[in-house]
PDB file of N, CA and C in Angstrom:
ATOM      1  N   MET A   1      15.502  -0.145  20.311  1.00  0.00           N
ATOM      2  CA  MET A   1      15.381  -0.984  19.319  1.00  0.00           C
ATOM      3  C   MET A   1      14.600  -0.299  17.502  1.00  0.00           C
ATOM      4  N   LEU A   2      13.509  -0.095  18.425  1.00  0.00           N
ATOM      5  CA  LEU A   2      12.148   0.614  17.165  1.00  0.00           C
ATOM      6  C   LEU A   2      12.741   1.469  16.584  1.00  0.00           C
ATOM      7  N   ASN A   3      13.256   3.012  17.576  1.00  0.00           N
ATOM      8  CA  ASN A   3      13.749   3.608  17.194  1.00  0.00           C
ATOM      9  C   ASN A   3      14.596   3.881  16.062  1.00  0.00           C
ATOM     10  N   GLY A   4      15.850   2.560  16.334  1.00  0.00           N
ATOM     11  CA  GLY A   4      16.928   3.099  15.514  1.00  0.00           C
ATOM     12  C   GLY A   4      16.609   2.773  14.231  1.00  0.00           C
ATOM     13  N   PHE A   5      15.280   1.691  13.686  1.00  0.00           N
ATOM     14  CA  PHE A   5      14.690   0.826  12.841  1.00  0.00           C
ATOM     15  C   PHE A   5      13.760   2.100  11.802  1.00  0.00           C
ATOM     16  N   LEU A   6      13.183   2.930  12.402  1.00  0.00           N
ATOM     17  CA  LEU A   6      12.306   3.827  11.937  1.00  0.00           C
ATOM     18  C   LEU A   6      13.509   5.021  11.962  1.00  0.00           C
ATOM     19  N   ILE A   7      14.211   5.258  12.396  1.00  0.00           N
ATOM     20  CA  ILE A   7      15.334   6.416  11.212  1.00  0.00           C
ATOM     21  C   ILE A   7      16.354   6.015  10.433  1.00  0.00           C
ATOM     22  N   ALA A   8      16.163   5.087   9.813  1.00  0.00           N
ATOM     23  CA  ALA A   8      16.408   4.576   8.628  1.00  0.00           C
ATOM     24  C   ALA A   8      15.863   5.023   7.227  1.00  0.00           C
ATOM     25  N   PHE A   9      14.574   5.135   7.885  1.00  0.00           N
ATOM     26  CA  PHE A   9      13.515   5.440   6.418  1.00  0.00           C
ATOM     27  C   PHE A   9      13.169   6.515   6.330  1.00  0.00           C
ATOM     28  N   PRO A  10      13.583   7.020   5.348  1.00  0.00           N
ATOM     29  CA  PRO A  10      13.301   8.876   5.265  1.00  0.00           C
ATOM     30  C   PRO A  10      11.542   8.849   5.188  1.00  0.00           C
ATOM     31  N   GLY A  11      11.166  10.408   5.586  1.00  0.00           N
ATOM     32  CA  GLY A  11       9.994  10.731   6.007  1.00  0.00           C
ATOM     33  C   GLY A  11       9.284  11.293   4.566  1.00  0.00           C
ATOM     34  N   GLY A  12       8.259  12.298   4.946  1.00  0.00           N
ATOM     35  CA  GLY A  12       7.781  12.976   3.633  1.00  0.00           C
ATOM     36  C   GLY A  12       8.712  13.879   3.309  1.00  0.00           C
ATOM     37  N   PRO A  13       9.202  14.951   3.909  1.00  0.00           N
ATOM     38  CA  PRO A  13       9.889  15.905   3.751  1.00  0.00           C
ATOM     39  C   PRO A  13      11.347  15.128   3.201  1.00  0.00           C
ATOM     40  N   GLU A  14      11.733  14.526   3.693  1.00  0.00           N
ATOM     41  CA  GLU A  14      13.108  13.637   3.228  1.00  0.00           C
ATOM     42  C   GLU A  14      13.000  13.062   1.407  1.00  0.00           C
ATOM     43  N   LEU A  15      11.923  12.595   1.274  1.00  0.00           N
ATOM     44  CA  LEU A  15      11.732  12.044  -0.048  1.00  0.00           C
ATOM     45  C   LEU A  15      11.294  13.419  -0.657  1.00  0.00           C
ATOM     46  N   ILE A  16      10.895  14.421  -0.486  1.00  0.00           N
ATOM     47  CA  ILE A  16      10.421  15.373  -1.363  1.00  0.00           C
ATOM     48  C   ILE A  16      12.257  16.089  -1.479  1.00  0.00           C
ATOM     49  N   LEU A  17      13.114  16.155  -0.979  1.00  0.00           N
ATOM     50  CA  LEU A  17      14.431  16.796  -1.487  1.00  0.00           C
ATOM     51  C   LEU A  17      15.018  15.620  -2.245  1.00  0.00           C
ATOM     52  N   ILE A  18      14.780  14.277  -1.887  1.00  0.00           N
ATOM     53  CA  ILE A  18      15.216  13.482  -2.309  1.00  0.00           C
ATOM     54  C   ILE A  18      15.420  13.512  -4.036  1.00  0.00           C
ATOM     55  N   ALA A  19      13.445  13.421  -3.793  1.00  0.00           N
ATOM     56  CA  ALA A  19      13.165  14.126  -5.617  1.00  0.00           C
ATOM     57  C   ALA A  19      13.644  14.901  -6.483  1.00  0.00           C
ATOM     58  N   PHE A  20      13.850  16.254  -5.400  1.00  0.00           N
ATOM     59  CA  PHE A  20      14.281  17.717  -5.975  1.00  0.00           C
ATOM     60  C   PHE A  20      16.111  17.098  -6.315  1.00  0.00           C
ATOM     61  N   ILE A  21      16.779  16.355  -5.523  1.00  0.00           N
ATOM     62  CA  ILE A  21      18.071  16.361  -5.935  1.00  0.00           C
ATOM     63  C   ILE A  21      17.800  15.443  -7.547  1.00  0.00           C
ATOM     64  N   VAL A  22      17.296  14.832  -7.492  1.00  0.00           N
ATOM     65  CA  VAL A  22      17.370  13.378  -8.834  1.00  0.00           C
ATOM     66  C   VAL A  22      16.738  14.644 -10.004  1.00  0.00           C
ATOM     67  N   LEU A  23      15.550  15.452  -9.906  1.00  0.00           N
ATOM     68  CA  LEU A  23      15.361  16.419 -11.047  1.00  0.00           C
ATOM     69  C   LEU A  23      16.811  17.267 -11.413  1.00  0.00           C
ATOM     70  N   LEU A  24      17.506  17.541 -10.530  1.00  0.00           N
ATOM     71  CA  LEU A  24      18.269  18.464 -10.984  1.00  0.00           C
ATOM     72  C   LEU A  24      19.402  17.710 -11.660  1.00  0.00           C
ATOM     73  N   LEU A  25      20.112  16.637 -11.221  1.00  0.00           N
ATOM     74  CA  LEU A  25      20.948  16.099 -11.332  1.00  0.00           C
ATOM     75  C   LEU A  25      20.930  15.457 -12.613  1.00  0.00           C
ATOM     76  N   PHE A  26      19.856  14.756 -12.870  1.00  0.00           N
ATOM     77  CA  PHE A  26      19.407  14.357 -14.062  1.00  0.00           C
ATOM     78  C   PHE A  26      18.373  14.794 -15.013  1.00  0.00           C
ATOM     79  N   GLY A  27      17.549  16.224 -14.535  1.00  0.00           N
ATOM     80  CA  GLY A  27      17.127  16.563 -15.637  1.00  0.00           C
ATOM     81  C   GLY A  27      15.470  16.368 -15.513  1.00  0.00           C
ATOM     82  N   GLY A  28      14.827  17.286 -16.336  1.00  0.00           N
ATOM     83  CA  GLY A  28      13.201  16.815 -16.621  1.00  0.00           C
ATOM     84  C   GLY A  28      13.577  15.665 -17.922  1.00  0.00           C
ATOM     85  N   LYS A  29      14.243  16.013 -18.834  1.00  0.00           N
ATOM     86  CA  LYS A  29      14.416  15.098 -19.958  1.00  0.00           C
ATOM     87  C   LYS A  29      14.614  13.636 -19.738  1.00  0.00           C
ATOM     88  N   LYS A  30      15.702  13.238 -18.929  1.00  0.00           N
ATOM     89  CA  LYS A  30      16.395  12.074 -18.468  1.00  0.00           C
ATOM     90  C   LYS A  30      15.827  11.581 -17.552  1.00  0.00           C
ATOM     91  N   LEU A  31      14.716  12.164 -16.808  1.00  0.00           N
ATOM     92  CA  LEU A  31      13.941  11.389 -15.639  1.00  0.00           C
ATOM     93  C   LEU A  31      13.188  10.178 -16.066  1.00  0.00           C
ATOM     94  N   PRO A  32      12.814  10.348 -17.145  1.00  0.00           N
ATOM     95  CA  PRO A  32      11.481   9.111 -17.969  1.00  0.00           C
ATOM     96  C   PRO A  32      12.344   8.144 -18.128  1.00  0.00           C
ATOM     97  N   GLU A  33      13.490   8.317 -19.172  1.00  0.00           N
ATOM     98  CA  GLU A  33      14.051   7.416 -19.554  1.00  0.00           C
ATOM     99  C   GLU A  33      14.825   6.734 -17.936  1.00  0.00           C
ATOM    100  N   LEU A  34      15.157   7.413 -17.198  1.00  0.00           N
ATOM    101  CA  LEU A  34      15.843   6.361 -15.716  1.00  0.00           C
ATOM    102  C   LEU A  34      14.634   5.743 -14.922  1.00  0.00           C
ATOM    103  N   MET A  35      13.248   6.363 -15.004  1.00  0.00           N
ATOM    104  CA  MET A  35      12.203   5.761 -14.254  1.00  0.00           C
ATOM    105  C   MET A  35      12.041   4.571 -14.973  1.00  0.00           C
ATOM    106  N   LYS A  36      12.170   4.683 -16.580  1.00  0.00           N
ATOM    107  CA  LYS A  36      11.877   3.140 -17.128  1.00  0.00           C
ATOM    108  C   LYS A  36      12.695   2.493 -16.791  1.00  0.00           C
ATOM    109  N   GLY A  37      13.761   2.619 -16.665  1.00  0.00           N
ATOM    110  CA  GLY A  37      14.846   1.665 -16.779  1.00  0.00           C
ATOM    111  C   GLY A  37      15.081   0.907 -15.409  1.00  0.00           C
ATOM    112  N   LEU A  38      14.790   1.872 -14.173  1.00  0.00           N
ATOM    113  CA  LEU A  38      14.620   1.289 -12.953  1.00  0.00           C
ATOM    114  C   LEU A  38      13.249   0.251 -12.685  1.00  0.00           C
ATOM    115  N   GLY A  39      12.051   0.739 -13.692  1.00  0.00           N
ATOM    116  CA  GLY A  39      10.856  -0.315 -13.754  1.00  0.00           C
ATOM    117  C   GLY A  39      11.067  -1.538 -14.730  1.00  0.00           C
ATOM    118  N   LYS A  40      12.180  -1.430 -15.613  1.00  0.00           N
ATOM    119  CA  LYS A  40      12.169  -2.257 -16.149  1.00  0.00           C
ATOM    120  C   LYS A  40      13.275  -3.130 -15.216  1.00  0.00           C
ATOM    121  N   GLY A  41      14.161  -3.192 -14.855  1.00  0.00           N
ATOM    122  CA  GLY A  41      15.162  -3.413 -13.779  1.00  0.00           C
ATOM    123  C   GLY A  41      14.350  -4.395 -13.051  1.00  0.00           C
ATOM    124  N   ILE A  42      13.477  -3.823 -12.108  1.00  0.00           N
ATOM    125  CA  ILE A  42      12.218  -3.962 -11.201  1.00  0.00           C
ATOM    126  C   ILE A  42      11.194  -5.434 -11.051  1.00  0.00           C
ATOM    127  N   ARG A  43      10.761  -5.084 -12.888  1.00  0.00           N
ATOM    128  CA  ARG A  43      10.321  -6.171 -13.716  1.00  0.00           C
ATOM    129  C   ARG A  43      10.858  -7.399 -13.813  1.00  0.00           C
ATOM    130  N   GLU A  44      12.165  -7.646 -14.467  1.00  0.00           N
ATOM    131  CA  GLU A  44      13.114  -8.568 -14.670  1.00  0.00           C
ATOM    132  C   GLU A  44      13.498  -8.938 -13.600  1.00  0.00           C
ATOM    133  N   PHE A  45      13.885  -8.692 -11.809  1.00  0.00           N
ATOM    134  CA  PHE A  45      14.122  -8.960 -11.009  1.00  0.00           C
ATOM    135  C   PHE A  45      13.067  -9.850 -10.419  1.00  0.00           C
ATOM    136  N   ASN A  46      11.337  -9.388 -10.315  1.00  0.00           N
ATOM    137  CA  ASN A  46      10.429  -9.905 -10.108  1.00  0.00           C
ATOM    138  C   ASN A  46       9.906 -11.531 -11.127  1.00  0.00           C
ATOM    139  N   ASN A  47      10.474 -11.421 -12.210  1.00  0.00           N
ATOM    140  CA  ASN A  47      10.121 -12.002 -12.850  1.00  0.00           C
ATOM    141  C   ASN A  47      11.490 -13.433 -12.800  1.00  0.00           C
ATOM    142  N   ALA A  48      12.530 -13.246 -12.429  1.00  0.00           N
ATOM    143  CA  ALA A  48      13.961 -14.143 -12.204  1.00  0.00           C
ATOM    144  C   ALA A  48      13.314 -14.390 -10.538  1.00  0.00           C
ATOM    145  N   LYS A  49      12.547 -13.730  -9.257  1.00  0.00           N
ATOM    146  CA  LYS A  49      12.259 -14.361  -8.602  1.00  0.00           C
ATOM    147  C   LYS A  49      11.115 -15.307  -8.224  1.00  0.00           C
ATOM    148  N   ALA A  50       9.707 -14.949  -9.553  1.00  0.00           N
ATOM    149  CA  ALA A  50       9.187 -15.469  -9.416  1.00  0.00           C
ATOM    150  C   ALA A  50       9.338 -17.231 -10.509  1.00  0.00           C
ATOM    151  N   ASN A  51      11.092 -17.464 -11.217  1.00  0.00           N
ATOM    152  CA  ASN A  51      11.153 -18.091 -11.606  1.00  0.00           C
ATOM    153  C   ASN A  51      11.928 -19.142 -10.485  1.00  0.00           C
ATOM    154  N   ILE A  52      12.288 -18.640 -10.195  1.00  0.00           N
ATOM    155  CA  ILE A  52      13.306 -19.302  -9.091  1.00  0.00           C
ATOM    156  C   ILE A  52      12.469 -20.065  -7.649  1.00  0.00           C
ATOM    157  N   GLU A  53      11.138 -18.983  -7.485  1.00  0.00           N
ATOM    158  CA  GLU A  53      10.339 -19.831  -6.204  1.00  0.00           C
ATOM    159  C   GLU A  53       9.330 -21.094  -7.417  1.00  0.00           C
ATOM    160  N   SER A  54       9.080 -20.989  -8.168  1.00  0.00           N
ATOM    161  CA  SER A  54       8.632 -22.163  -9.076  1.00  0.00           C
ATOM    162  C   SER A  54       9.436 -22.934  -8.928  1.00  0.00           C
ATOM    163  N   GLU A  55      10.544 -23.022  -9.487  1.00  0.00           N
ATOM    164  CA  GLU A  55      11.582 -24.188  -9.549  1.00  0.00           C
ATOM    165  C   GLU A  55      11.747 -24.704  -8.345  1.00  0.00           C
ATOM    166  N   VAL A  56      11.766 -23.879  -6.950  1.00  0.00           N
ATOM    167  CA  VAL A  56      11.815 -24.208  -5.663  1.00  0.00           C
ATOM    168  C   VAL A  56      10.515 -25.682  -5.750  1.00  0.00           C
ATOM    169  N   LYS A  57       9.300 -25.023  -5.904  1.00  0.00           N
ATOM    170  CA  LYS A  57       8.212 -25.590  -5.711  1.00  0.00           C
ATOM    171  C   LYS A  57       8.037 -26.872  -6.345  1.00  0.00           C
ATOM    172  N   GLU A  58       8.686 -26.706  -7.585  1.00  0.00           N
ATOM    173  CA  GLU A  58       8.619 -28.010  -8.625  1.00  0.00           C
ATOM    174  C   GLU A  58       9.194 -29.275  -7.946  1.00  0.00           C
ATOM    175  N   SER A  59      10.420 -28.328  -7.423  1.00  0.00           N
ATOM    176  CA  SER A  59      11.694 -29.853  -6.868  1.00  0.00           C
ATOM    177  C   SER A  59      10.900 -30.497  -5.372  1.00  0.00           C
ATOM    178  N   MET A  60      10.045 -29.525  -4.795  1.00  0.00           N
ATOM    179  CA  MET A  60       9.843 -29.884  -3.665  1.00  0.00           C
ATOM    180  C   MET A  60       8.414 -30.862  -3.742  1.00  0.00           C
ATOM    181  N   LYS A  61       7.899 -30.925  -4.561  1.00  0.00           N
ATOM    182  CA  LYS A  61       7.001 -31.839  -5.274  1.00  0.00           C
ATOM    183  C   LYS A  61       7.452 -33.316  -5.631  1.00  0.00           C
ATOM    184  N   GLU A  62       8.578 -32.770  -6.773  1.00  0.00           N
ATOM    185  CA  GLU A  62       9.263 -34.258  -7.260  1.00  0.00           C
ATOM    186  C   GLU A  62       9.761 -34.688  -5.585  1.00  0.00           C
ATOM    187  N   LEU A  63      10.198 -34.319  -4.640  1.00  0.00           N
ATOM    188  CA  LEU A  63      10.727 -34.997  -3.377  1.00  0.00           C
ATOM    189  C   LEU A  63       9.477 -35.334  -2.814  1.00  0.00           C
ATOM    190  N   GLU A  64       8.546 -35.309  -2.832  1.00  0.00           N
ATOM    191  CA  GLU A  64       7.498 -35.496  -2.227  1.00  0.00           C
ATOM    192  C   GLU A  64       7.422 -36.581  -2.386  1.00  0.00           C
ATOM    193  N   ASN A  65       6.806 -36.620  -4.128  1.00  0.00           N
ATOM    194  CA  ASN A  65       6.383 -37.735  -4.657  1.00  0.00           C
ATOM    195  C   ASN A  65       7.224 -39.373  -4.708  1.00  0.00           C
ATOM    196  N   GLN A  66       8.553 -39.016  -4.678  1.00  0.00           N
ATOM    197  CA  GLN A  66       9.446 -40.333  -4.487  1.00  0.00           C
ATOM    198  C   GLN A  66       9.414 -40.903  -3.362  1.00  0.00           C
ATOM    199  N   PRO A  67       9.643 -42.323  -3.713  1.00  0.00           N
ATOM    200  CA  PRO A  67       9.427 -43.313  -3.313  1.00  0.00           C
ATOM    201  C   PRO A  67       9.916 -43.510  -1.409  1.00  0.00           C
ATOM    202  N   LYS A  68       9.556 -43.615  -0.469  1.00  0.00           N
ATOM    203  CA  LYS A  68      10.744 -43.633   0.430  1.00  0.00           C
ATOM    204  C   LYS A  68      11.225 -44.994   0.594  1.00  0.00           C
ATOM    205  N   SER A  69      12.803 -45.248   0.978  1.00  0.00           N
ATOM    206  CA  SER A  69      13.363 -46.179   0.781  1.00  0.00           C
ATOM    207  C   SER A  69      13.722 -46.392   2.189  1.00  0.00           C
ATOM    208  N   ASN A  70      14.038 -47.563   3.175  1.00  0.00           N
ATOM    209  CA  ASN A  70      14.165 -47.697   4.237  1.00  0.00           C
ATOM    210  C   ASN A  70      15.463 -48.526   4.070  1.00  0.00           C
ATOM    211  N   LYS A  71      16.256 -47.581   4.643  1.00  0.00           N
ATOM    212  CA  LYS A  71      17.701 -47.962   4.790  1.00  0.00           C
ATOM    213  C   LYS A  71      18.509 -49.407   5.940  1.00  0.00           C
ATOM    214  N   ASP A  72      17.277 -49.454   6.593  1.00  0.00           N
ATOM    215  CA  ASP A  72      17.315 -50.554   7.879  1.00  0.00           C
ATOM    216  C   ASP A  72      18.065 -52.099   7.304  1.00  0.00           C
TER     217      ASP A  72
END
């Protein structure tokens, strides 16, 4: 099970090869724009995740603070 899991992640030589291919495809001038866009996307994703987490926590607090009613 563990061996199949480790095969999915590229190691050092594979990452260097991927970086070289990306450099060839996009060129040196487009690469900074690509990385800037990638960083912006990751930042927006993290902000959305934080907003959802805070909304869930607020909802949990509201549910905990509501008086419990007995339906018996």
